[in-house]
Amino acid sequence: MTLFIRKYWKENPLSLILIIAIILRLIAAFFSKGFGMHDDHFLVIEASQSWVDGTDYNNWLPGNGVKPSGHSWFYVGLHYLLFSFLKFIHITDPQTKMFIVRILHAVYSLSIVYFGYKIAEKLSNKEIAKKTGLLLATFWFMSFLSVRNLAEFVCIPPLFAGLWLIIKENGKTNKWIYYILTGFIIGLAFSIRYQSLIFISGIGFALLFKKKWVEFIGVTFGVFISISVIQGIVDIIIWGYPFAELREYIQYNIDNAYSYETNKWYSYTLLIAGLLFPPISFFIIFGFFRNWRKNLLLFLPTLLFIIFHSYFPNKQERFILPAIPFVITVGLLGWYDFKERSKFWKRYNKLYKSFWVFFWVINIVLLSIVTTMYSKKARVESMVYLSKYPNIKSILLENTNKNSAKMFPRFYLKQWVSEYCITKEEPVYVFKESIKMVKKENYPKFVLFFDDNNIKNRIDSIKTIFPNIEYETTIYPGFVDVVLYKLNPKNANETIFIYKIKSN
């Protein structure tokens, strides 16, 4: 078996790398339930499913004074079509639907590995391509993110595909059509994630710098068609004027540049270095800059993307994700070109190998944990548990230990219920006054307590409003959720205690 694998690795490396990649992504599709962050669920899954169910969860649809919200309709619209089809064929279980979504994303993400390998092979040789493809296939968070609905990750395949089509070049006579179609594919990344326009602009600048006039004009025109059709025409149909959502998105980010997490300008550089594990990350970053002119089509858009996000005040970690696979690809190309010529590393080859052994040990450990992680398990399973109760209408979230309560994924509840919250900022007495204005038939049917800190007193305070509450069950977070919560309480992955509010 070992001899067979070695032979296959030598003769068909790309096929073997893709097999490894799909196995890891299928494992993630089966076991990595839940959602990773707020945006990959509430801005995609909740919105699209609510439309299928005849509601408008996020109030994005026009009417009743609703204005553009600053979100592209393309990616969420694809999920609307998918969920509509699943409803048509009577697949209604939320977990089954999300398994199908994860499988589709797993297959889609293989293009990152494929195009990364092909680009590295074209710009260097098969040996470096094998190393690049293998790292893209097995990097510790790639499988987990490959099955998530995170726009920052979903926008990567069109960028990789477009760059490969440019790099491999077109020997046929119909170059204009070829590069226009290439630009159209690249433009899809913009319709998935608006900030990818920085990356796309970098591709254009690189083509200009290399004086690739036909490629530049064709790709630019293709991107323009893609954006105009998917963003401009769609917004005309929905809002009556083009690029309504894009305008609102730009304005929102200008107005809220400092409303979210901010950090130093070099924070993303440190993040990339940490994610790739020193000292190997230093080799990759060094290689990223070393052959910048030779790898300009990959280097310049990636660099501009990192510079833009390093300059912009809002610095959430996920924003830099689109750059990571390109940093890996360009970095390995430059590093191995240097390493093969280096007398120093030939002399200290054992030390060099030990660095890679350290890298792969850490990477494999994290890969095994993260790939099977049930993210946000407590919140998801709480809704799955409550879904057996019909006509809930509303629930009460009690989290007086925090300033706010995390949103609950109603998708798994299969009911678009109202939510009441009791927190530090909105204590019991505020809720006690507001509930007086609500009809009794719309009172919450369940109260969900976050974590067990001072739980008895908190239950007693709820009893002053609803005397007849009865314990139902306890939903525990997953192992990784617990670790993340201990590392950073902002992750809010606490144990959840469900109590039923019985009628008086």
Protein backbone atom coordinates (compact mmCIF):
# COMPACT_ATOMS: atom_id res chain seq x y z
CA MET A 1 0.00 0.00 0.00
CA THR A 2 2.84 2.39 0.88
CA LEU A 3 4.57 1.69 -2.42
CA PHE A 4 1.32 2.22 -4.29
CA ILE A 5 0.72 5.59 -2.59
CA ARG A 6 4.28 6.71 -3.30
CA LYS A 7 3.94 5.71 -6.94
CA TYR A 8 0.58 7.43 -7.23
CA TRP A 9 2.01 10.54 -5.51
CA LYS A 10 4.79 10.62 -8.06
CA GLU A 11 2.63 10.02 -11.12
CA ASN A 12 -0.71 11.66 -10.17
CA PRO A 13 -0.01 14.15 -7.37
CA LEU A 14 -2.94 16.46 -8.13
CA SER A 15 -5.46 13.60 -8.05
CA LEU A 16 -4.13 12.39 -4.70
CA ILE A 17 -4.15 15.90 -3.26
CA LEU A 18 -7.77 16.39 -4.37
CA ILE A 19 -8.73 13.02 -2.83
CA ILE A 20 -7.20 14.11 0.49
CA ALA A 21 -8.94 17.48 0.23
CA ILE A 22 -12.39 16.00 -0.46
CA ILE A 23 -12.03 13.46 2.37
CA LEU A 24 -11.24 16.23 4.85
CA ARG A 25 -14.07 18.40 3.57
CA LEU A 26 -16.55 15.52 3.66
CA ILE A 27 -15.56 14.87 7.27
CA ALA A 28 -16.26 18.55 7.98
CA ALA A 29 -19.58 18.34 6.11
CA PHE A 30 -20.69 15.39 8.26
CA PHE A 31 -19.41 16.49 11.66
CA SER A 32 -18.88 20.25 11.63
CA LYS A 33 -22.47 21.33 12.20
CA GLY A 34 -23.65 24.73 13.36
CA PHE A 35 -22.15 27.99 12.15
CA GLY A 36 -18.82 29.70 12.60
CA MET A 37 -19.67 33.38 12.99
CA HIS A 38 -22.69 35.66 12.98
CA ASP A 39 -22.52 36.58 9.30
CA ASP A 40 -22.23 33.08 7.84
CA HIS A 41 -25.59 32.16 9.33
CA PHE A 42 -27.75 35.18 10.06
CA LEU A 43 -26.94 37.06 6.85
CA VAL A 44 -27.30 34.03 4.58
CA ILE A 45 -29.25 31.09 6.00
CA GLU A 46 -31.77 32.92 8.17
CA ALA A 47 -32.53 35.50 5.48
CA SER A 48 -33.00 33.04 2.60
CA GLN A 49 -35.05 30.51 4.59
CA SER A 50 -37.32 33.26 5.92
CA TRP A 51 -38.11 34.30 2.35
CA VAL A 52 -38.99 30.71 1.48
CA ASP A 53 -41.30 30.66 4.52
CA GLY A 54 -43.01 33.88 3.44
CA THR A 55 -41.40 36.18 6.01
CA ASP A 56 -38.51 38.66 5.94
CA TYR A 57 -36.27 37.92 8.92
CA ASN A 58 -33.77 40.74 8.35
CA ASN A 59 -36.23 43.26 6.86
CA TRP A 60 -34.29 43.38 3.60
CA LEU A 61 -37.19 43.17 1.17
CA PRO A 62 -38.65 46.42 -0.21
CA GLY A 63 -41.93 47.69 1.19
CA ASN A 64 -43.17 49.33 4.38
CA GLY A 65 -40.46 51.95 4.23
CA VAL A 66 -37.60 49.42 4.05
CA LYS A 67 -34.45 50.80 2.41
CA PRO A 68 -31.45 48.96 0.94
CA SER A 69 -29.51 47.26 3.73
CA GLY A 70 -26.10 47.10 2.05
CA HIS A 71 -26.06 43.36 1.37
CA SER A 72 -25.54 41.69 -1.99
CA TRP A 73 -28.50 39.59 -3.11
CA PHE A 74 -26.39 37.17 -5.15
CA TYR A 75 -25.10 34.67 -2.59
CA VAL A 76 -28.13 34.76 -0.31
CA GLY A 77 -30.32 34.53 -3.43
CA LEU A 78 -28.64 31.28 -4.44
CA HIS A 79 -29.55 29.86 -1.05
CA TYR A 80 -33.12 31.05 -1.50
CA LEU A 81 -33.31 29.08 -4.75
CA LEU A 82 -31.75 26.02 -3.09
CA PHE A 83 -34.11 26.10 -0.10
CA SER A 84 -37.08 26.64 -2.41
CA PHE A 85 -36.08 23.52 -4.35
CA LEU A 86 -35.60 21.50 -1.14
CA LYS A 87 -39.05 22.58 0.02
CA PHE A 88 -40.46 21.50 -3.36
CA ILE A 89 -39.03 17.99 -2.92
CA HIS A 90 -40.22 17.93 0.73
CA ILE A 91 -36.85 18.16 2.49
CA THR A 92 -37.72 20.30 5.51
CA ASP A 93 -35.43 19.15 8.33
CA PRO A 94 -32.97 22.01 9.07
CA GLN A 95 -30.03 19.73 9.84
CA THR A 96 -30.55 17.82 6.59
CA LYS A 97 -30.74 21.05 4.61
CA MET A 98 -27.55 22.35 6.18
CA PHE A 99 -25.80 19.05 5.47
CA ILE A 100 -26.66 19.51 1.79
CA VAL A 101 -25.38 23.10 1.95
CA ARG A 102 -22.11 21.94 3.51
CA ILE A 103 -21.64 19.21 0.88
CA LEU A 104 -22.14 21.72 -1.94
CA HIS A 105 -19.65 24.12 -0.39
CA ALA A 106 -17.16 21.30 0.19
CA VAL A 107 -17.17 20.41 -3.51
CA TYR A 108 -17.04 24.08 -4.53
CA SER A 109 -14.01 24.73 -2.31
CA LEU A 110 -11.94 22.06 -4.05
CA SER A 111 -11.34 24.62 -6.78
CA ILE A 112 -9.01 26.50 -4.41
CA VAL A 113 -6.79 23.44 -4.13
CA TYR A 114 -7.00 22.66 -7.87
CA PHE A 115 -6.24 26.16 -9.13
CA GLY A 116 -3.59 26.74 -6.46
CA TYR A 117 -1.78 23.61 -7.66
CA LYS A 118 -2.11 24.51 -11.35
CA ILE A 119 -0.88 28.07 -10.81
CA ALA A 120 2.12 26.90 -8.78
CA GLU A 121 2.96 24.28 -11.41
CA LYS A 122 2.74 26.86 -14.21
CA LEU A 123 4.89 29.43 -12.40
CA SER A 124 7.45 26.97 -10.99
CA ASN A 125 7.49 23.18 -11.23
CA LYS A 126 5.59 20.08 -10.19
CA GLU A 127 7.48 19.61 -6.90
CA ILE A 128 6.58 23.07 -5.61
CA ALA A 129 3.05 22.63 -6.94
CA LYS A 130 2.72 19.43 -4.90
CA LYS A 131 3.77 21.25 -1.73
CA THR A 132 1.43 24.15 -2.46
CA GLY A 133 -1.58 21.98 -3.28
CA LEU A 134 -1.04 19.75 -0.25
CA LEU A 135 -0.87 22.71 2.12
CA LEU A 136 -4.00 24.28 0.61
CA ALA A 137 -5.76 20.91 0.98
CA THR A 138 -4.73 20.22 4.57
CA PHE A 139 -4.18 23.62 6.19
CA TRP A 140 -5.79 23.47 9.61
CA PHE A 141 -8.82 25.74 9.12
CA MET A 142 -9.40 25.24 5.38
CA SER A 143 -11.77 22.25 5.71
CA PHE A 144 -13.80 23.95 8.43
CA LEU A 145 -14.18 27.18 6.46
CA SER A 146 -14.81 25.26 3.23
CA VAL A 147 -18.22 24.12 4.52
CA ARG A 148 -19.22 27.46 6.06
CA ASN A 149 -21.42 30.12 4.47
CA LEU A 150 -18.81 32.81 5.03
CA ALA A 151 -18.67 35.28 2.13
CA GLU A 152 -15.02 36.05 2.89
CA PHE A 153 -14.18 32.45 2.02
CA VAL A 154 -16.79 31.78 -0.66
CA CYS A 155 -15.41 34.64 -2.79
CA ILE A 156 -11.98 32.97 -3.12
CA PRO A 157 -12.68 30.33 -5.86
CA PRO A 158 -13.71 32.87 -8.57
CA LEU A 159 -10.52 34.84 -7.88
CA PHE A 160 -8.35 31.73 -8.12
CA ALA A 161 -10.18 30.54 -11.24
CA GLY A 162 -9.81 33.89 -12.98
CA LEU A 163 -6.12 34.19 -12.15
CA TRP A 164 -5.46 30.69 -13.46
CA LEU A 165 -7.23 31.50 -16.74
CA ILE A 166 -5.04 34.60 -17.12
CA ILE A 167 -1.80 32.88 -16.12
CA LYS A 168 -2.23 29.84 -18.34
CA GLU A 169 -2.99 32.23 -21.25
CA ASN A 170 -5.11 31.59 -24.31
CA GLY A 171 -3.55 30.32 -27.49
CA LYS A 172 -6.76 30.46 -29.48
CA THR A 173 -7.85 33.24 -31.82
CA ASN A 174 -10.93 34.36 -29.83
CA LYS A 175 -8.88 36.06 -27.09
CA TRP A 176 -11.44 38.80 -26.50
CA ILE A 177 -14.24 36.36 -25.62
CA TYR A 178 -11.82 34.31 -23.50
CA TYR A 179 -10.72 37.25 -21.36
CA ILE A 180 -14.20 38.76 -21.14
CA LEU A 181 -15.46 35.43 -19.75
CA THR A 182 -12.47 35.39 -17.41
CA GLY A 183 -13.38 38.85 -16.17
CA PHE A 184 -17.00 37.77 -15.71
CA ILE A 185 -15.86 34.91 -13.48
CA ILE A 186 -13.62 37.21 -11.45
CA GLY A 187 -16.51 39.64 -11.09
CA LEU A 188 -18.54 36.96 -9.30
CA ALA A 189 -16.22 37.39 -6.31
CA PHE A 190 -17.37 41.00 -6.03
CA SER A 191 -21.03 39.96 -5.98
CA ILE A 192 -20.24 37.56 -3.14
CA ARG A 193 -18.01 39.92 -1.15
CA TYR A 194 -17.84 43.62 -2.05
CA GLN A 195 -14.34 44.13 -0.59
CA SER A 196 -12.92 41.75 -3.17
CA LEU A 197 -13.03 44.73 -5.56
CA ILE A 198 -9.67 45.73 -4.02
CA PHE A 199 -8.25 42.38 -5.05
CA ILE A 200 -9.83 42.61 -8.50
CA SER A 201 -8.36 46.09 -8.97
CA GLY A 202 -4.96 44.67 -8.11
CA ILE A 203 -5.31 42.16 -10.95
CA GLY A 204 -6.06 45.05 -13.32
CA PHE A 205 -3.06 47.06 -12.12
CA ALA A 206 -0.81 44.02 -12.55
CA LEU A 207 -1.99 43.54 -16.14
CA LEU A 208 -1.34 47.23 -16.86
CA PHE A 209 2.12 47.02 -15.30
CA LYS A 210 2.93 44.01 -17.49
CA LYS A 211 1.45 45.83 -20.53
CA LYS A 212 -1.04 43.05 -21.19
CA TRP A 213 -3.45 45.33 -23.03
CA VAL A 214 -5.80 42.72 -24.52
CA GLU A 215 -5.99 40.89 -21.19
CA PHE A 216 -6.56 44.12 -19.26
CA ILE A 217 -9.33 45.41 -21.53
CA GLY A 218 -11.03 42.02 -21.84
CA VAL A 219 -10.93 41.22 -18.12
CA THR A 220 -12.01 44.75 -17.16
CA PHE A 221 -14.95 44.59 -19.55
CA GLY A 222 -15.90 41.14 -18.26
CA VAL A 223 -15.81 42.32 -14.64
CA PHE A 224 -17.94 45.33 -15.60
CA ILE A 225 -20.54 43.08 -17.29
CA SER A 226 -20.59 40.71 -14.31
CA ILE A 227 -21.08 43.50 -11.78
CA SER A 228 -23.59 45.37 -13.95
CA VAL A 229 -25.78 42.31 -14.54
CA ILE A 230 -25.68 40.82 -11.05
CA GLN A 231 -25.59 44.03 -9.01
CA GLY A 232 -26.84 46.81 -11.26
CA ILE A 233 -29.78 45.16 -13.04
CA VAL A 234 -30.91 43.20 -9.98
CA ASP A 235 -30.99 46.38 -7.88
CA ILE A 236 -32.91 48.21 -10.62
CA ILE A 237 -35.55 45.47 -10.50
CA ILE A 238 -35.74 45.48 -6.70
CA TRP A 239 -35.09 49.13 -5.77
CA GLY A 240 -35.62 51.03 -9.00
CA TYR A 241 -32.02 52.22 -9.39
CA PRO A 242 -28.64 50.50 -9.93
CA PHE A 243 -26.13 49.58 -7.23
CA ALA A 244 -28.50 50.51 -4.41
CA GLU A 245 -27.08 47.86 -2.07
CA LEU A 246 -23.48 48.76 -2.92
CA ARG A 247 -24.07 52.44 -2.19
CA GLU A 248 -25.63 51.62 1.15
CA TYR A 249 -22.79 49.21 1.97
CA ILE A 250 -20.15 51.86 1.31
CA GLN A 251 -22.03 54.47 3.33
CA TYR A 252 -22.59 52.05 6.22
CA ASN A 253 -18.89 51.19 6.41
CA ILE A 254 -17.90 54.86 6.32
CA ASP A 255 -20.36 55.68 9.10
CA ASN A 256 -19.39 52.65 11.22
CA ALA A 257 -15.65 52.43 10.57
CA TYR A 258 -14.97 52.63 14.32
CA SER A 259 -18.14 50.88 15.55
CA TYR A 260 -16.64 47.39 15.56
CA GLU A 261 -13.29 45.89 16.47
CA THR A 262 -10.33 48.17 15.74
CA ASN A 263 -6.64 47.44 16.05
CA LYS A 264 -3.14 48.53 15.01
CA TRP A 265 -2.28 48.73 11.30
CA TYR A 266 0.08 45.76 11.61
CA SER A 267 -2.44 43.48 13.34
CA TYR A 268 -3.27 41.56 10.16
CA THR A 269 0.41 40.92 9.45
CA LEU A 270 0.79 39.46 12.93
CA LEU A 271 -2.40 37.45 12.46
CA ILE A 272 -1.17 35.93 9.20
CA ALA A 273 2.19 35.11 10.79
CA GLY A 274 0.43 33.43 13.69
CA LEU A 275 -2.05 31.46 11.61
CA LEU A 276 0.76 30.03 9.49
CA PHE A 277 2.87 29.14 12.58
CA PRO A 278 6.39 30.56 13.04
CA PRO A 279 9.03 29.94 11.89
CA ILE A 280 7.44 28.51 8.72
CA SER A 281 5.22 31.60 8.51
CA PHE A 282 8.36 33.77 8.33
CA PHE A 283 9.63 31.70 5.40
CA ILE A 284 6.29 32.07 3.60
CA ILE A 285 6.08 35.82 4.22
CA PHE A 286 9.69 36.22 3.05
CA GLY A 287 8.88 34.20 -0.06
CA PHE A 288 5.75 36.26 -0.66
CA PHE A 289 7.86 39.39 -1.19
CA ARG A 290 10.94 37.79 -2.74
CA ASN A 291 9.76 37.20 -6.33
CA TRP A 292 7.09 39.89 -6.39
CA ARG A 293 7.79 40.96 -9.94
CA LYS A 294 7.70 37.42 -11.34
CA ASN A 295 4.48 36.60 -9.45
CA LEU A 296 2.95 40.06 -9.87
CA LEU A 297 -0.52 38.84 -10.92
CA LEU A 298 -0.83 37.06 -7.58
CA PHE A 299 1.34 39.32 -5.45
CA LEU A 300 -0.10 42.78 -6.21
CA PRO A 301 -3.82 42.06 -5.64
CA THR A 302 -3.01 40.19 -2.42
CA LEU A 303 -0.76 42.99 -1.16
CA LEU A 304 -3.31 45.72 -1.98
CA PHE A 305 -6.02 43.70 -0.24
CA ILE A 306 -3.91 43.38 2.92
CA ILE A 307 -2.88 47.07 2.82
CA PHE A 308 -6.49 48.22 2.46
CA HIS A 309 -7.69 46.17 5.41
CA SER A 310 -4.65 47.14 7.47
CA TYR A 311 -5.50 50.81 6.86
CA PHE A 312 -9.27 50.55 7.39
CA PRO A 313 -10.15 50.90 11.11
CA ASN A 314 -12.63 47.99 11.30
CA LYS A 315 -10.38 44.93 11.68
CA GLN A 316 -12.35 41.76 12.26
CA GLU A 317 -10.22 38.64 11.78
CA ARG A 318 -12.43 37.15 9.06
CA PHE A 319 -11.89 40.15 6.76
CA ILE A 320 -8.36 39.00 5.89
CA LEU A 321 -9.34 35.39 5.08
CA PRO A 322 -9.48 35.88 1.26
CA ALA A 323 -5.77 36.73 1.29
CA ILE A 324 -4.55 33.63 3.16
CA PRO A 325 -4.58 31.06 0.29
CA PHE A 326 -2.83 33.56 -1.99
CA VAL A 327 -0.20 34.35 0.65
CA ILE A 328 0.43 30.60 0.94
CA THR A 329 0.66 30.12 -2.84
CA VAL A 330 2.88 33.13 -3.57
CA GLY A 331 4.91 32.61 -0.41
CA LEU A 332 5.79 29.01 -1.20
CA LEU A 333 6.71 29.92 -4.78
CA GLY A 334 9.15 32.57 -3.60
CA TRP A 335 10.47 30.65 -0.62
CA TYR A 336 11.35 27.44 -2.47
CA ASP A 337 12.97 29.43 -5.26
CA PHE A 338 15.19 30.98 -2.58
CA LYS A 339 15.71 27.83 -0.54
CA GLU A 340 16.89 25.76 -3.52
CA ARG A 341 19.67 28.31 -4.12
CA SER A 342 20.58 28.84 -0.46
CA LYS A 343 23.89 27.40 0.73
CA PHE A 344 22.86 28.11 4.33
CA TRP A 345 19.81 25.86 4.24
CA LYS A 346 21.69 23.13 2.40
CA ARG A 347 24.15 23.16 5.29
CA TYR A 348 21.42 23.17 7.95
CA ASN A 349 18.93 20.91 6.22
CA LYS A 350 18.14 18.93 9.39
CA LEU A 351 17.21 22.12 11.22
CA TYR A 352 15.01 23.12 8.29
CA LYS A 353 13.23 19.75 8.29
CA SER A 354 12.63 20.05 12.04
CA PHE A 355 10.80 23.34 11.45
CA TRP A 356 8.46 21.61 9.01
CA VAL A 357 7.96 18.67 11.41
CA PHE A 358 6.92 21.18 14.08
CA PHE A 359 4.58 22.88 11.60
CA TRP A 360 2.88 19.65 10.53
CA VAL A 361 2.45 18.36 14.09
CA ILE A 362 0.66 21.55 15.14
CA ASN A 363 -1.28 21.70 11.87
CA ILE A 364 -2.50 18.09 12.09
CA VAL A 365 -3.55 18.46 15.73
CA LEU A 366 -5.56 21.60 14.98
CA LEU A 367 -6.89 20.12 11.74
CA SER A 368 -8.31 17.09 13.56
CA ILE A 369 -9.99 19.29 16.17
CA VAL A 370 -11.33 22.09 14.00
CA THR A 371 -12.51 19.92 11.08
CA THR A 372 -14.92 18.04 13.35
CA MET A 373 -15.99 21.04 15.45
CA TYR A 374 -19.72 21.51 16.04
CA SER A 375 -19.62 25.29 16.23
CA LYS A 376 -22.21 27.22 18.29
CA LYS A 377 -23.64 23.87 19.37
CA ALA A 378 -25.57 25.11 22.41
CA ARG A 379 -27.47 27.76 20.45
CA VAL A 380 -28.24 25.43 17.56
CA GLU A 381 -29.28 22.46 19.69
CA SER A 382 -31.47 24.68 21.88
CA MET A 383 -33.50 25.59 18.82
CA VAL A 384 -33.54 21.97 17.61
CA TYR A 385 -34.89 20.92 21.00
CA LEU A 386 -37.62 23.59 21.01
CA SER A 387 -38.63 22.83 17.40
CA LYS A 388 -40.78 19.93 18.67
CA TYR A 389 -43.12 22.50 20.23
CA PRO A 390 -45.55 24.14 17.76
CA ASN A 391 -46.74 27.75 17.91
CA ILE A 392 -44.17 29.04 20.36
CA LYS A 393 -44.63 32.65 19.16
CA SER A 394 -41.90 34.08 21.43
CA ILE A 395 -39.03 33.13 23.73
CA LEU A 396 -37.21 34.94 26.52
CA LEU A 397 -33.41 35.05 26.63
CA GLU A 398 -31.96 35.68 30.10
CA ASN A 399 -28.32 36.72 30.22
CA THR A 400 -27.95 39.20 33.04
CA ASN A 401 -24.24 38.37 33.24
CA LYS A 402 -23.68 40.12 29.89
CA ASN A 403 -24.63 43.41 28.28
CA SER A 404 -26.48 41.65 25.48
CA ALA A 405 -27.87 38.27 24.49
CA LYS A 406 -26.62 36.49 21.39
CA MET A 407 -29.10 36.03 18.54
CA PHE A 408 -30.66 32.61 18.23
CA PRO A 409 -30.79 30.67 14.93
CA ARG A 410 -34.54 30.45 14.30
CA PHE A 411 -33.76 28.45 11.14
CA TYR A 412 -33.36 25.38 13.37
CA LEU A 413 -36.51 26.23 15.31
CA LYS A 414 -38.53 26.30 12.06
CA GLN A 415 -40.60 29.13 13.55
CA TRP A 416 -39.98 32.84 13.13
CA VAL A 417 -40.74 33.72 16.73
CA SER A 418 -40.26 36.98 18.58
CA GLU A 419 -37.39 37.37 21.03
CA TYR A 420 -37.33 39.13 24.42
CA CYS A 421 -34.08 39.75 26.25
CA ILE A 422 -33.05 40.34 29.85
CA THR A 423 -29.46 41.53 30.15
CA LYS A 424 -27.33 43.95 32.15
CA GLU A 425 -28.40 46.74 29.82
CA GLU A 426 -32.06 45.63 29.86
CA PRO A 427 -32.64 44.23 33.38
CA VAL A 428 -35.69 42.42 34.73
CA TYR A 429 -37.63 45.52 35.73
CA VAL A 430 -37.45 46.89 32.17
CA PHE A 431 -38.83 43.63 30.76
CA LYS A 432 -41.45 43.53 33.51
CA GLU A 433 -42.83 46.87 32.35
CA SER A 434 -42.64 46.13 28.62
CA ILE A 435 -44.38 42.74 28.88
CA LYS A 436 -47.45 44.48 30.30
CA MET A 437 -48.05 45.91 26.82
CA VAL A 438 -48.10 42.43 25.23
CA LYS A 439 -51.18 40.23 24.88
CA LYS A 440 -51.01 37.12 27.05
CA GLU A 441 -51.30 34.80 24.06
CA ASN A 442 -48.02 36.32 22.80
CA TYR A 443 -46.15 35.86 26.06
CA PRO A 444 -42.91 33.86 25.78
CA LYS A 445 -43.37 30.12 26.08
CA PHE A 446 -39.80 29.41 27.14
CA VAL A 447 -36.98 31.17 28.95
CA LEU A 448 -33.37 30.31 28.13
CA PHE A 449 -30.72 31.06 30.76
CA PHE A 450 -27.10 31.50 29.66
CA ASP A 451 -24.51 29.80 31.95
CA ASP A 452 -25.02 28.80 35.60
CA ASN A 453 -23.50 31.85 37.29
CA ASN A 454 -25.87 32.93 40.07
CA ILE A 455 -28.55 30.85 38.35
CA LYS A 456 -30.84 30.38 41.40
CA ASN A 457 -31.28 34.12 41.97
CA ARG A 458 -31.84 34.69 38.27
CA ILE A 459 -34.55 32.01 38.17
CA ASP A 460 -36.20 33.54 41.22
CA SER A 461 -36.23 36.96 39.53
CA ILE A 462 -38.03 35.48 36.51
CA LYS A 463 -40.55 33.84 38.86
CA THR A 464 -41.62 37.31 40.00
CA ILE A 465 -43.00 37.72 36.45
CA PHE A 466 -43.84 34.12 35.52
CA PRO A 467 -44.40 32.12 38.75
CA ASN A 468 -45.02 28.82 36.96
CA ILE A 469 -41.75 28.04 35.19
CA GLU A 470 -40.59 24.47 34.90
CA TYR A 471 -37.14 23.07 34.10
CA GLU A 472 -36.98 21.38 30.70
CA THR A 473 -33.39 20.53 29.81
CA THR A 474 -29.78 21.68 29.69
CA ILE A 475 -27.93 22.15 26.41
CA TYR A 476 -24.15 22.01 26.64
CA PRO A 477 -21.69 23.63 24.22
CA GLY A 478 -19.18 21.60 22.25
CA PHE A 479 -15.61 21.05 23.47
CA VAL A 480 -14.05 23.64 21.16
CA ASP A 481 -16.79 26.14 21.98
CA VAL A 482 -15.90 25.76 25.67
CA VAL A 483 -12.21 26.33 24.94
CA LEU A 484 -12.95 29.40 22.79
CA TYR A 485 -15.23 30.82 25.47
CA LYS A 486 -12.53 30.43 28.13
CA LEU A 487 -9.97 32.06 25.85
CA ASN A 488 -12.31 34.92 24.97
CA PRO A 489 -15.73 35.36 26.68
CA LYS A 490 -16.90 37.36 23.65
CA ASN A 491 -17.46 34.03 21.91
CA ALA A 492 -20.53 33.50 24.15
CA ASN A 493 -20.66 29.71 23.96
CA GLU A 494 -22.16 29.11 27.39
CA THR A 495 -24.29 26.26 28.66
CA ILE A 496 -27.99 27.00 28.14
CA PHE A 497 -30.73 26.06 30.63
CA ILE A 498 -34.22 25.83 29.11
CA TYR A 499 -37.27 26.45 31.28
CA LYS A 500 -40.86 26.21 30.14
CA ILE A 501 -43.24 29.01 31.10
CA LYS A 502 -46.52 27.35 32.01
CA SER A 503 -49.81 29.18 31.77
CA ASN A 504 -51.06 30.71 35.00
